[in-house]
Protein backbone atom coordinates (compact mmCIF):
# COMPACT_ATOMS: atom_id res chain seq x y z
CA MET A 1 23.51 -52.04 6.92
CA GLY A 2 19.91 -50.59 5.64
CA SER A 3 18.99 -49.76 9.27
CA VAL A 4 22.25 -47.65 9.55
CA THR A 5 21.89 -45.74 6.33
CA ALA A 6 18.08 -45.21 7.00
CA ARG A 7 18.66 -43.61 10.28
CA PRO A 8 19.87 -40.34 8.86
CA ALA A 9 17.35 -40.06 6.56
CA ARG A 10 14.80 -40.45 9.46
CA ILE A 11 16.57 -37.98 11.42
CA LEU A 12 16.68 -35.24 8.54
CA VAL A 13 12.80 -35.87 8.04
CA ALA A 14 12.14 -35.20 12.01
CA VAL A 15 14.33 -32.03 11.78
CA ALA A 16 12.21 -30.88 8.93
CA ALA A 17 9.08 -31.71 10.54
CA ILE A 18 9.90 -29.77 13.76
CA VAL A 19 11.33 -26.68 11.60
CA LEU A 20 7.97 -26.56 9.63
CA LEU A 21 5.69 -26.81 12.80
CA VAL A 22 8.25 -23.66 14.09
CA ILE A 23 7.28 -21.90 11.07
CA ALA A 24 3.51 -22.72 11.17
CA THR A 25 3.11 -21.70 15.40
CA ALA A 26 4.66 -18.49 13.92
CA VAL A 27 2.64 -18.07 11.52
CA ILE A 28 -0.31 -18.44 13.36
CA THR A 29 0.52 -16.67 16.53
CA SER A 30 1.39 -13.83 13.85
CA ARG A 31 -2.02 -13.90 12.46
CA LEU A 32 -3.64 -14.20 15.98
CA ARG A 33 -1.53 -11.18 17.41
CA LYS A 34 -4.27 -8.36 18.19
CA PRO A 35 -3.51 -5.29 15.89
CA GLY A 36 -1.98 -2.23 17.84
CA PRO A 37 -3.32 1.20 17.85
CA ARG A 38 -3.84 3.11 14.41
CA PRO A 39 -0.62 4.92 13.54
CA ASP A 40 -0.82 8.51 13.07
CA PHE A 41 -1.41 8.72 9.63
CA GLN A 42 -1.51 11.77 7.46
CA LEU A 43 -2.39 12.71 3.73
CA PRO A 44 -0.01 10.75 1.34
CA VAL A 45 0.24 14.25 -0.46
CA ALA A 46 2.20 17.21 0.03
CA CYS A 47 2.02 19.38 2.93
CA GLY A 48 -0.92 22.21 2.85
CA GLU A 49 -2.32 20.92 -0.48
CA THR A 50 -6.23 20.33 -0.77
CA TRP A 51 -6.95 17.16 -2.39
CA ILE A 52 -10.30 15.29 -3.77
CA LEU A 53 -10.40 12.23 -2.03
CA GLY A 54 -13.60 9.82 -3.91
CA THR A 55 -14.83 6.53 -4.83
CA TYR A 56 -17.42 4.80 -7.11
CA PRO A 57 -19.41 1.74 -7.35
CA GLY A 58 -17.35 -1.31 -7.82
CA HIS A 59 -14.29 0.42 -6.51
CA ASP A 60 -14.29 -1.53 -3.33
CA ASP A 61 -15.26 -0.50 0.27
CA PHE A 62 -12.52 1.85 1.93
CA ASP A 63 -10.44 2.41 -1.59
CA ILE A 64 -9.35 5.76 -1.97
CA ASP A 65 -8.87 7.89 -5.24
CA PHE A 66 -6.97 10.93 -4.78
CA PHE A 67 -6.72 14.04 -7.45
CA PRO A 68 -5.39 17.64 -7.00
CA ALA A 69 -7.93 20.37 -6.10
CA ARG A 70 -5.84 22.33 -8.40
CA GLY A 71 -3.80 21.62 -11.12
CA SER A 72 -2.49 18.10 -12.74
CA ALA A 73 -2.00 15.18 -11.29
CA TRP A 74 0.73 13.90 -13.20
CA GLY A 75 3.92 13.60 -11.56
CA ARG A 76 3.00 14.99 -7.87
CA PRO A 77 4.99 13.70 -5.18
CA VAL A 78 3.28 10.76 -3.44
CA LEU A 79 4.55 10.57 0.37
CA ALA A 80 4.27 8.17 3.03
CA SER A 81 1.70 8.58 5.28
CA ALA A 82 3.60 7.38 8.41
CA ALA A 83 7.03 5.77 9.18
CA GLY A 84 7.43 2.12 8.33
CA THR A 85 9.23 -0.66 6.37
CA VAL A 86 8.76 -1.06 2.72
CA ILE A 87 7.49 -4.77 2.31
CA GLU A 88 6.44 -4.24 -1.57
CA ALA A 89 7.54 -2.14 -4.19
CA GLY A 90 7.98 -2.38 -8.05
CA VAL A 91 5.56 -3.67 -10.27
CA ASN A 92 1.91 -5.37 -9.96
CA GLY A 93 0.35 -6.53 -13.07
CA THR A 94 1.33 -5.01 -16.13
CA LEU A 95 2.02 -1.24 -16.92
CA GLY A 96 0.25 -0.05 -19.93
CA SER A 97 1.06 2.73 -21.54
CA ARG A 98 -0.17 5.87 -20.33
CA THR A 99 2.09 8.45 -19.66
CA PRO A 100 1.86 12.49 -19.43
CA ASP A 101 2.65 12.46 -23.30
CA ASN A 102 0.48 9.74 -24.05
CA PRO A 103 -2.51 10.05 -21.41
CA LYS A 104 -5.06 8.16 -23.81
CA GLY A 105 -2.78 5.06 -23.88
CA PRO A 106 -3.55 1.28 -23.33
CA TYR A 107 -4.28 0.58 -20.01
CA GLY A 108 -2.39 -1.83 -17.88
CA THR A 109 -3.59 -4.56 -15.30
CA GLY A 110 -3.40 -4.70 -11.69
CA ALA A 111 -1.51 -1.86 -9.85
CA GLY A 112 1.37 -0.84 -12.05
CA TYR A 113 4.04 0.61 -10.02
CA TRP A 114 3.08 0.18 -6.40
CA VAL A 115 4.50 0.56 -2.79
CA LYS A 116 3.12 -1.30 0.38
CA ILE A 117 4.51 0.10 3.57
CA ASP A 118 4.38 -2.25 7.20
CA HIS A 119 3.85 0.23 9.80
CA GLY A 120 3.76 -2.17 12.41
CA GLY A 121 1.11 -3.42 14.84
CA ARG A 122 -0.21 -4.97 12.06
CA TRP A 123 -1.38 -1.85 9.91
CA ASP A 124 -0.09 -1.27 6.40
CA THR A 125 -0.90 1.15 3.38
CA GLN A 126 -0.69 0.70 -0.10
CA TYR A 127 0.08 3.56 -2.75
CA LEU A 128 -1.01 2.11 -6.59
CA HIS A 129 -0.73 3.57 -10.17
CA LEU A 130 2.48 5.27 -9.62
CA LEU A 131 4.41 6.87 -12.54
CA GLU A 132 7.52 5.36 -12.43
CA SER A 133 9.46 2.90 -10.48
CA PRO A 134 9.40 3.78 -7.21
CA PRO A 135 12.62 5.35 -5.64
CA VAL A 136 12.24 3.09 -2.35
CA ALA A 137 12.71 -0.78 -2.44
CA VAL A 138 12.03 -3.76 -0.16
CA GLY A 139 13.39 -3.43 3.69
CA ASP A 140 13.93 0.21 3.62
CA GLU A 141 12.83 2.34 6.11
CA VAL A 142 11.07 5.46 5.32
CA THR A 143 9.84 8.52 7.41
CA GLN A 144 6.47 9.98 8.03
CA GLY A 145 6.32 12.70 4.76
CA GLN A 146 9.23 10.72 2.54
CA GLN A 147 8.70 10.79 -1.29
CA ILE A 148 7.99 7.06 -2.13
CA GLY A 149 6.84 7.99 -5.92
CA LYS A 150 5.00 10.01 -8.16
CA ILE A 151 1.56 9.87 -9.30
CA GLY A 152 1.04 8.23 -12.55
CA SER A 153 -1.74 6.19 -14.41
CA THR A 154 0.08 2.71 -14.83
CA GLY A 155 -2.00 -0.67 -14.22
CA LYS A 156 -5.68 -0.66 -14.62
CA SER A 157 -5.90 3.01 -14.44
CA GLY A 158 -8.06 5.20 -16.45
CA ALA A 159 -6.61 8.68 -15.50
CA PRO A 160 -3.46 9.92 -13.40
CA HIS A 161 -4.41 9.55 -9.90
CA LEU A 162 -3.25 7.63 -6.44
CA HIS A 163 -5.16 4.86 -5.23
CA TYR A 164 -4.63 4.11 -1.84
CA GLU A 165 -5.67 1.85 0.98
CA GLN A 166 -5.29 1.70 4.63
CA ARG A 167 -5.38 -2.11 6.11
CA ARG A 168 -5.48 -3.51 9.45
CA ALA A 169 -4.13 -7.04 9.95
CA GLY A 170 -4.75 -7.77 6.04
CA ASP A 171 -8.46 -6.26 6.27
CA LYS A 172 -9.46 -2.85 4.48
CA VAL A 173 -10.47 -0.33 6.86
CA GLU A 174 -11.79 3.10 6.67
CA SER A 175 -8.41 5.54 6.06
CA HIS A 176 -7.84 8.29 9.02
CA PHE A 177 -6.03 11.20 8.39
CA ALA A 178 -4.45 13.44 11.20
CA GLY A 179 -6.72 11.46 13.78
CA GLN A 180 -9.99 11.98 11.70
CA PRO A 181 -12.06 9.63 9.55
CA ALA A 182 -11.62 10.25 5.86
CA GLY A 183 -15.31 9.58 4.87
CA ILE A 184 -14.68 7.17 2.15
CA THR A 185 -16.57 4.25 3.38
CA SER A 186 -18.82 2.15 0.91
CA ASP A 187 -18.63 1.78 -2.63
CA ASP A 188 -22.36 2.31 -3.30
CA ARG A 189 -22.46 5.36 -4.96
CA GLU A 190 -20.07 8.18 -6.57
CA TYR A 191 -18.97 10.50 -4.00
CA SER A 192 -16.01 12.56 -2.65
CA VAL A 193 -14.64 14.76 0.09
CA ARG A 194 -12.35 17.24 0.35
CA ARG A 195 -9.25 17.24 2.46
CA THR A 196 -6.02 19.31 3.12
CA SER A 197 -2.63 17.50 3.78
CA ARG A 198 -1.00 17.92 7.35
CA ASN A 199 1.95 15.70 5.81
CA CYS A 200 4.14 18.74 6.95
CA PRO A 201 8.02 18.31 7.84
CA GLY A 202 8.68 18.67 11.40
CA ARG A 203 4.86 18.24 12.22
């Protein structure tokens, strides 16, 4: 009687083991898959605007902070650099209390409001410190140039700006915009470059 009762349990254990093996194989295969070509990324800001892209010691290699060359950063549109699928959207860490009405409020932690987009071919982009809850959700398909948030100073942010990253197979790489390298590489010193957005409708 005991052996009859044990048989279904052994079958369930075997099935579970097979399922786990299939999942593990899929994960390993995905990680070993060679990344595809870099998408035609554009600056994540409005068409025709000139922005200052900068970094500083301790910022981490290839991380870019975006500040407008003219006017206030608060509330400026943040646009998808390329078409893709939203895989993260919401709050990372804590928000803090820095707003346009209270720009010196307490810091938060982490990215604050943020969005991460999968562009296929193992490429993704990340957009941090957004002003408010993003208007996109996990699973949404976005087009290049679609607004995915507004510039703010949530999370660990000292001033309103957009922290931006391009990643290939999970690793940060130098960002390219309109086929050209951004010029922000190591974080060994404080420096910046100016770039004009070609993230234009019907481009």
